[in-house]
């Protein structure tokens, strides 16, 4: 990929859209309707970039599942 000044830049994938299913799976959840809806709500509240940045990596660099919220517990997602 070349920038406007002609310099080659590596593709990172950051220019690709992230949908709620991607965010749910990045957090170690199955993309169930409840998990996808929770991710959709978070994206609507804080934006895609912040939602992704709020998914911290574990020691090996992989995304981790954040602790369940009270809403997750009520929806039956607390161990999903």
C-alpha atoms as a PDB file:
ATOM      1  CA  UNK A   1       0.000   0.000   0.000  1.00  0.00           C
ATOM      2  CA  UNK A   2       1.401   3.391  -0.912  1.00  0.00           C
ATOM      3  CA  UNK A   3       0.703   6.658   0.806  1.00  0.00           C
ATOM      4  CA  UNK A   4       0.108   9.878  -1.078  1.00  0.00           C
ATOM      5  CA  UNK A   5       3.837  10.632  -0.876  1.00  0.00           C
ATOM      6  CA  UNK A   6       4.626   7.285  -2.525  1.00  0.00           C
ATOM      7  CA  UNK A   7       6.121   5.641   0.584  1.00  0.00           C
ATOM      8  CA  UNK A   8       5.181   2.013   1.078  1.00  0.00           C
ATOM      9  CA  UNK A   9       3.365   1.287   4.337  1.00  0.00           C
ATOM     10  CA  UNK A  10       2.496  -2.143   5.709  1.00  0.00           C
ATOM     11  CA  UNK A  11      -1.172  -3.080   5.914  1.00  0.00           C
ATOM     12  CA  UNK A  12      -2.251  -3.597   9.503  1.00  0.00           C
ATOM     13  CA  UNK A  13      -5.906  -4.378   8.981  1.00  0.00           C
ATOM     14  CA  UNK A  14      -6.824  -1.323  11.023  1.00  0.00           C
ATOM     15  CA  UNK A  15      -8.487   0.137   7.946  1.00  0.00           C
ATOM     16  CA  UNK A  16     -10.972  -2.765   7.888  1.00  0.00           C
ATOM     17  CA  UNK A  17     -14.371  -2.290   9.539  1.00  0.00           C
ATOM     18  CA  UNK A  18     -15.025  -4.040  12.858  1.00  0.00           C
ATOM     19  CA  UNK A  19     -18.550  -5.278  13.351  1.00  0.00           C
ATOM     20  CA  UNK A  20     -20.195  -6.375  16.623  1.00  0.00           C
ATOM     21  CA  UNK A  21     -19.589 -10.051  15.832  1.00  0.00           C
ATOM     22  CA  UNK A  22     -15.856  -9.352  15.482  1.00  0.00           C
ATOM     23  CA  UNK A  23     -15.795  -7.505  18.806  1.00  0.00           C
ATOM     24  CA  UNK A  24     -17.669 -10.288  20.609  1.00  0.00           C
ATOM     25  CA  UNK A  25     -15.274 -12.914  19.249  1.00  0.00           C
ATOM     26  CA  UNK A  26     -12.215 -10.769  20.053  1.00  0.00           C
ATOM     27  CA  UNK A  27     -13.388 -10.883  23.648  1.00  0.00           C
ATOM     28  CA  UNK A  28     -13.499 -14.648  23.633  1.00  0.00           C
ATOM     29  CA  UNK A  29     -17.273 -14.911  23.402  1.00  0.00           C
ATOM     30  CA  UNK A  30     -19.297 -16.958  20.975  1.00  0.00           C
ATOM     31  CA  UNK A  31     -21.180 -14.595  18.648  1.00  0.00           C
ATOM     32  CA  UNK A  32     -24.560 -15.342  20.245  1.00  0.00           C
ATOM     33  CA  UNK A  33     -27.356 -12.825  19.712  1.00  0.00           C
ATOM     34  CA  UNK A  34     -26.867 -11.567  23.292  1.00  0.00           C
ATOM     35  CA  UNK A  35     -23.090 -11.154  22.976  1.00  0.00           C
ATOM     36  CA  UNK A  36     -23.439  -9.449  19.586  1.00  0.00           C
ATOM     37  CA  UNK A  37     -26.085  -7.090  20.943  1.00  0.00           C
ATOM     38  CA  UNK A  38     -23.851  -6.195  23.917  1.00  0.00           C
ATOM     39  CA  UNK A  39     -20.986  -5.463  21.506  1.00  0.00           C
ATOM     40  CA  UNK A  40     -23.328  -3.448  19.284  1.00  0.00           C
ATOM     41  CA  UNK A  41     -24.398  -1.369  22.298  1.00  0.00           C
ATOM     42  CA  UNK A  42     -20.812  -0.759  23.339  1.00  0.00           C
ATOM     43  CA  UNK A  43     -19.846   0.325  19.829  1.00  0.00           C
ATOM     44  CA  UNK A  44     -22.812   2.719  19.832  1.00  0.00           C
ATOM     45  CA  UNK A  45     -21.834   4.108  23.246  1.00  0.00           C
ATOM     46  CA  UNK A  46     -18.072   4.549  22.897  1.00  0.00           C
ATOM     47  CA  UNK A  47     -17.319   4.020  19.215  1.00  0.00           C
ATOM     48  CA  UNK A  48     -15.603   1.163  17.436  1.00  0.00           C
ATOM     49  CA  UNK A  49     -12.035   2.305  18.040  1.00  0.00           C
ATOM     50  CA  UNK A  50     -12.508   2.720  21.804  1.00  0.00           C
ATOM     51  CA  UNK A  51     -14.389  -0.579  22.111  1.00  0.00           C
ATOM     52  CA  UNK A  52     -11.515  -2.393  20.403  1.00  0.00           C
ATOM     53  CA  UNK A  53      -8.889  -0.576  22.467  1.00  0.00           C
ATOM     54  CA  UNK A  54     -10.785  -1.527  25.635  1.00  0.00           C
ATOM     55  CA  UNK A  55     -10.140  -5.198  24.811  1.00  0.00           C
ATOM     56  CA  UNK A  56      -6.760  -5.713  26.493  1.00  0.00           C
ATOM     57  CA  UNK A  57      -4.394  -8.465  25.363  1.00  0.00           C
ATOM     58  CA  UNK A  58      -3.396 -11.287  27.681  1.00  0.00           C
ATOM     59  CA  UNK A  59       0.242 -12.197  28.383  1.00  0.00           C
ATOM     60  CA  UNK A  60       0.573 -13.851  24.973  1.00  0.00           C
ATOM     61  CA  UNK A  61      -0.831 -10.842  23.127  1.00  0.00           C
ATOM     62  CA  UNK A  62      -4.281 -12.313  22.527  1.00  0.00           C
ATOM     63  CA  UNK A  63      -7.445 -10.349  23.370  1.00  0.00           C
ATOM     64  CA  UNK A  64      -9.023 -11.231  26.693  1.00  0.00           C
ATOM     65  CA  UNK A  65     -12.559 -11.351  27.905  1.00  0.00           C
ATOM     66  CA  UNK A  66     -13.357  -8.433  30.194  1.00  0.00           C
ATOM     67  CA  UNK A  67     -15.067  -9.229  33.483  1.00  0.00           C
ATOM     68  CA  UNK A  68     -18.814  -9.686  33.089  1.00  0.00           C
ATOM     69  CA  UNK A  69     -20.996  -6.688  33.768  1.00  0.00           C
ATOM     70  CA  UNK A  70     -24.197  -6.875  35.776  1.00  0.00           C
ATOM     71  CA  UNK A  71     -26.057  -6.687  32.449  1.00  0.00           C
ATOM     72  CA  UNK A  72     -24.048  -9.703  31.219  1.00  0.00           C
ATOM     73  CA  UNK A  73     -25.026 -11.635  34.333  1.00  0.00           C
ATOM     74  CA  UNK A  74     -28.713 -10.808  33.877  1.00  0.00           C
ATOM     75  CA  UNK A  75     -28.531 -11.843  30.207  1.00  0.00           C
ATOM     76  CA  UNK A  76     -26.848 -15.134  31.121  1.00  0.00           C
ATOM     77  CA  UNK A  77     -23.508 -14.176  29.555  1.00  0.00           C
ATOM     78  CA  UNK A  78     -21.413 -14.309  32.730  1.00  0.00           C
ATOM     79  CA  UNK A  79     -19.213 -17.231  31.694  1.00  0.00           C
ATOM     80  CA  UNK A  80     -19.899 -17.192  28.011  1.00  0.00           C
END
